[in-house]
Structures are given as C-alpha cells and as structure tokens.
Amino acid sequence: MLKSLKLTALAAAVALSSMAYSAPSVAQDVEFLIGPNGVRIRTADFCERNPNDRRCRAYVDRHRDRFTGPDRNYRMPRKGRYGRQCDSSDALNKARDMGIRRAEVVRANDRRITVQGVRRGDRIRVTFGRDGNCSVLR
C-alpha cells in the first residue's frame, strides 16, 4: 500500500513539474507589411491611435463584412479577386462547362447566382458565388 502511494505521489510530482507555464501569445501586436513600398512594421495599436487613417478603414469585421473603422454603417463593396465580380454570363458559361444544357439564371442577388438546367436527363440547380471565379456553393 505504501509503495503504491509513493508511486502515485511520484507520478503527480513528475506531471506537475513537467507542465510548462504557458504565457499568452502576443503575436498580434506587430504586423509586417510587405508590398511595393518595401517592408514596413506596424503595431496593433496603430489604428487605435489613428482611427481616420485610410489604412485602418480596410480592416473588416469577419462576421459582418463591414468596416470596423469610424463609419460602421458603410457597407464594403463586394468585389472578387483583382476587383472582379462574377456576373450572370460568367455563371452561365461555367454551368455550360459543367455539362448543364439549357442553362438559365433563375435567381440572382448581391451574394449568389442560381442557374437551372438539365444534366443527364435530370433537372439540376447550381448556385454560384459572386467572387471572381464564380465558385460553386451548392
């Protein structure tokens, strides 16, 4: 009995001594900006000190697609990569490339385009995103 208590105490001591103290990560305090102007270093509180700077307005709230700058009611323009956006003709061309015959646009809004047609004898609906390459949503 005494031997098992000793082994348990030893195991607990080894487990507690091997735990490393985990310090909070501070990797978000510094940003390295690499671009045509060279390499620049910016601290995270830059936008707190300069809220009206044009570079700070480009920060986007991840869940709402809105600017987190001073004017929160301004809706960010929806453009795809390189300033391009998928339109209905791009979606129809991609649907035809996927093998959908008699493709037609059924519904289109600012986020997606739905195309309906026939493939292998069955009616099919495909929804494309508005990003630059018309990604297939479902």
Protein backbone atom coordinates (compact mmCIF):
# COMPACT_ATOMS: atom_id res chain seq x y z
CA MET A 1 0.00 0.00 0.00
CA LEU A 2 2.81 2.38 0.92
CA LYS A 3 4.58 1.55 -2.34
CA SER A 4 1.51 2.47 -4.44
CA LEU A 5 1.13 5.78 -2.56
CA LYS A 6 4.79 6.56 -3.23
CA LEU A 7 4.38 5.78 -6.93
CA THR A 8 1.24 7.92 -7.13
CA ALA A 9 2.96 10.83 -5.39
CA LEU A 10 5.98 10.47 -7.66
CA ALA A 11 3.78 10.40 -10.77
CA ALA A 12 1.92 13.52 -9.60
CA ALA A 13 5.20 15.31 -8.89
CA VAL A 14 6.57 14.43 -12.33
CA ALA A 15 3.34 15.52 -14.02
CA LEU A 16 3.22 18.85 -12.18
CA SER A 17 6.89 19.60 -12.70
CA SER A 18 6.76 18.84 -16.42
CA MET A 19 3.91 21.28 -17.05
CA ALA A 20 5.25 24.37 -18.72
CA TYR A 21 3.90 27.78 -17.89
CA SER A 22 2.09 28.94 -21.00
CA ALA A 23 2.37 32.67 -21.47
CA PRO A 24 -0.28 34.43 -23.55
CA SER A 25 0.64 34.91 -27.16
CA VAL A 26 1.46 38.43 -28.27
CA ALA A 27 1.89 37.72 -31.96
CA GLN A 28 -0.90 40.11 -32.91
CA ASP A 29 0.90 43.15 -31.54
CA VAL A 30 3.15 43.57 -34.60
CA GLU A 31 2.29 43.49 -38.30
CA PHE A 32 4.88 43.12 -41.04
CA LEU A 33 3.60 44.74 -44.23
CA ILE A 34 5.39 43.64 -47.38
CA GLY A 35 4.50 45.49 -50.55
CA PRO A 36 5.76 47.66 -53.38
CA ASN A 37 6.93 50.26 -50.86
CA GLY A 38 9.17 47.73 -49.14
CA VAL A 39 8.83 46.17 -45.72
CA ARG A 40 7.06 48.19 -43.03
CA ILE A 41 6.37 47.33 -39.41
CA ARG A 42 3.14 48.50 -37.77
CA THR A 43 2.00 47.90 -34.21
CA ALA A 44 -1.53 46.76 -33.43
CA ASP A 45 -2.47 49.96 -31.64
CA PHE A 46 -1.72 52.00 -34.79
CA CYS A 47 -5.41 52.11 -35.74
CA GLU A 48 -6.45 52.94 -32.19
CA ARG A 49 -4.18 55.97 -32.31
CA ASN A 50 -5.11 56.89 -35.93
CA PRO A 51 -8.76 55.85 -36.48
CA ASN A 52 -9.21 58.11 -39.52
CA ASP A 53 -6.19 56.76 -41.40
CA ARG A 54 -7.21 55.22 -44.74
CA ARG A 55 -5.25 52.04 -43.98
CA CYS A 56 -7.29 51.46 -40.82
CA ARG A 57 -10.63 51.56 -42.64
CA ALA A 58 -9.72 48.43 -44.58
CA TYR A 59 -9.99 46.20 -41.51
CA VAL A 60 -13.11 44.08 -41.94
CA ASP A 61 -15.28 42.53 -39.27
CA ARG A 62 -15.05 38.82 -40.00
CA HIS A 63 -18.73 38.04 -39.39
CA ARG A 64 -20.49 41.05 -40.89
CA ASP A 65 -18.33 42.16 -43.84
CA ARG A 66 -18.41 45.70 -42.54
CA PHE A 67 -15.71 48.19 -41.85
CA THR A 68 -14.67 48.37 -38.22
CA GLY A 69 -13.45 51.92 -38.67
CA PRO A 70 -15.26 55.06 -37.57
CA ASP A 71 -18.10 54.69 -40.09
CA ARG A 72 -19.58 51.27 -39.26
CA ASN A 73 -22.69 51.76 -41.40
CA TYR A 74 -20.73 51.86 -44.65
CA ARG A 75 -21.13 48.56 -46.46
CA MET A 76 -17.96 47.19 -48.02
CA PRO A 77 -18.24 46.84 -51.80
CA ARG A 78 -18.45 43.24 -52.90
CA LYS A 79 -15.79 42.53 -55.46
CA GLY A 80 -13.90 39.39 -56.21
CA ARG A 81 -10.21 38.93 -56.50
CA TYR A 82 -8.45 41.66 -58.50
CA GLY A 83 -11.58 43.82 -58.43
CA ARG A 84 -13.62 41.35 -60.49
CA GLN A 85 -17.07 40.02 -59.68
CA CYS A 86 -18.95 37.07 -61.15
CA ASP A 87 -21.96 38.09 -63.23
CA SER A 88 -24.78 36.07 -64.78
CA SER A 89 -22.99 35.47 -68.09
CA ASP A 90 -19.93 34.10 -66.25
CA ALA A 91 -22.20 31.81 -64.22
CA LEU A 92 -23.96 30.57 -67.37
CA ASN A 93 -20.62 29.87 -69.07
CA LYS A 94 -19.38 27.94 -66.06
CA ALA A 95 -22.65 25.98 -65.88
CA ARG A 96 -22.31 25.04 -69.55
CA ASP A 97 -18.72 23.96 -68.90
CA MET A 98 -20.05 21.73 -66.11
CA GLY A 99 -22.29 19.97 -68.64
CA ILE A 100 -25.58 21.70 -67.88
CA ARG A 101 -27.71 22.13 -71.01
CA ARG A 102 -30.40 24.80 -71.49
CA ALA A 103 -28.92 26.75 -68.59
CA GLU A 104 -30.80 29.83 -67.42
CA VAL A 105 -30.45 32.18 -64.48
CA VAL A 106 -33.29 31.59 -62.02
CA ARG A 107 -32.29 33.90 -59.17
CA ALA A 108 -29.54 36.46 -58.69
CA ASN A 109 -28.74 38.74 -55.77
CA ASP A 110 -25.65 40.52 -54.47
CA ARG A 111 -24.17 37.33 -52.95
CA ARG A 112 -25.06 34.47 -55.30
CA ILE A 113 -26.42 33.46 -58.69
CA THR A 114 -28.63 30.38 -59.12
CA VAL A 115 -28.62 28.63 -62.50
CA GLN A 116 -31.09 25.93 -63.55
CA GLY A 117 -30.77 23.48 -66.41
CA VAL A 118 -30.67 19.83 -67.50
CA ARG A 119 -27.84 17.38 -66.98
CA ARG A 120 -28.09 13.67 -67.85
CA GLY A 121 -31.85 13.96 -68.21
CA ASP A 122 -32.43 15.43 -64.75
CA ARG A 123 -33.30 18.99 -63.80
CA ILE A 124 -30.45 20.48 -61.81
CA ARG A 125 -29.85 23.73 -59.92
CA VAL A 126 -26.40 25.09 -59.21
CA THR A 127 -25.66 28.12 -57.02
CA PHE A 128 -22.56 30.18 -57.76
CA GLY A 129 -20.91 32.73 -55.51
CA ARG A 130 -20.26 36.29 -56.65
CA ASP A 131 -16.49 36.10 -56.16
CA GLY A 132 -14.11 36.48 -59.09
CA ASN A 133 -14.08 32.84 -60.17
CA CYS A 134 -17.81 32.01 -59.67
CA SER A 135 -17.22 29.37 -57.01
CA VAL A 136 -19.88 26.64 -56.73
CA LEU A 137 -21.78 26.95 -53.45
CA ARG A 138 -24.19 24.02 -53.91
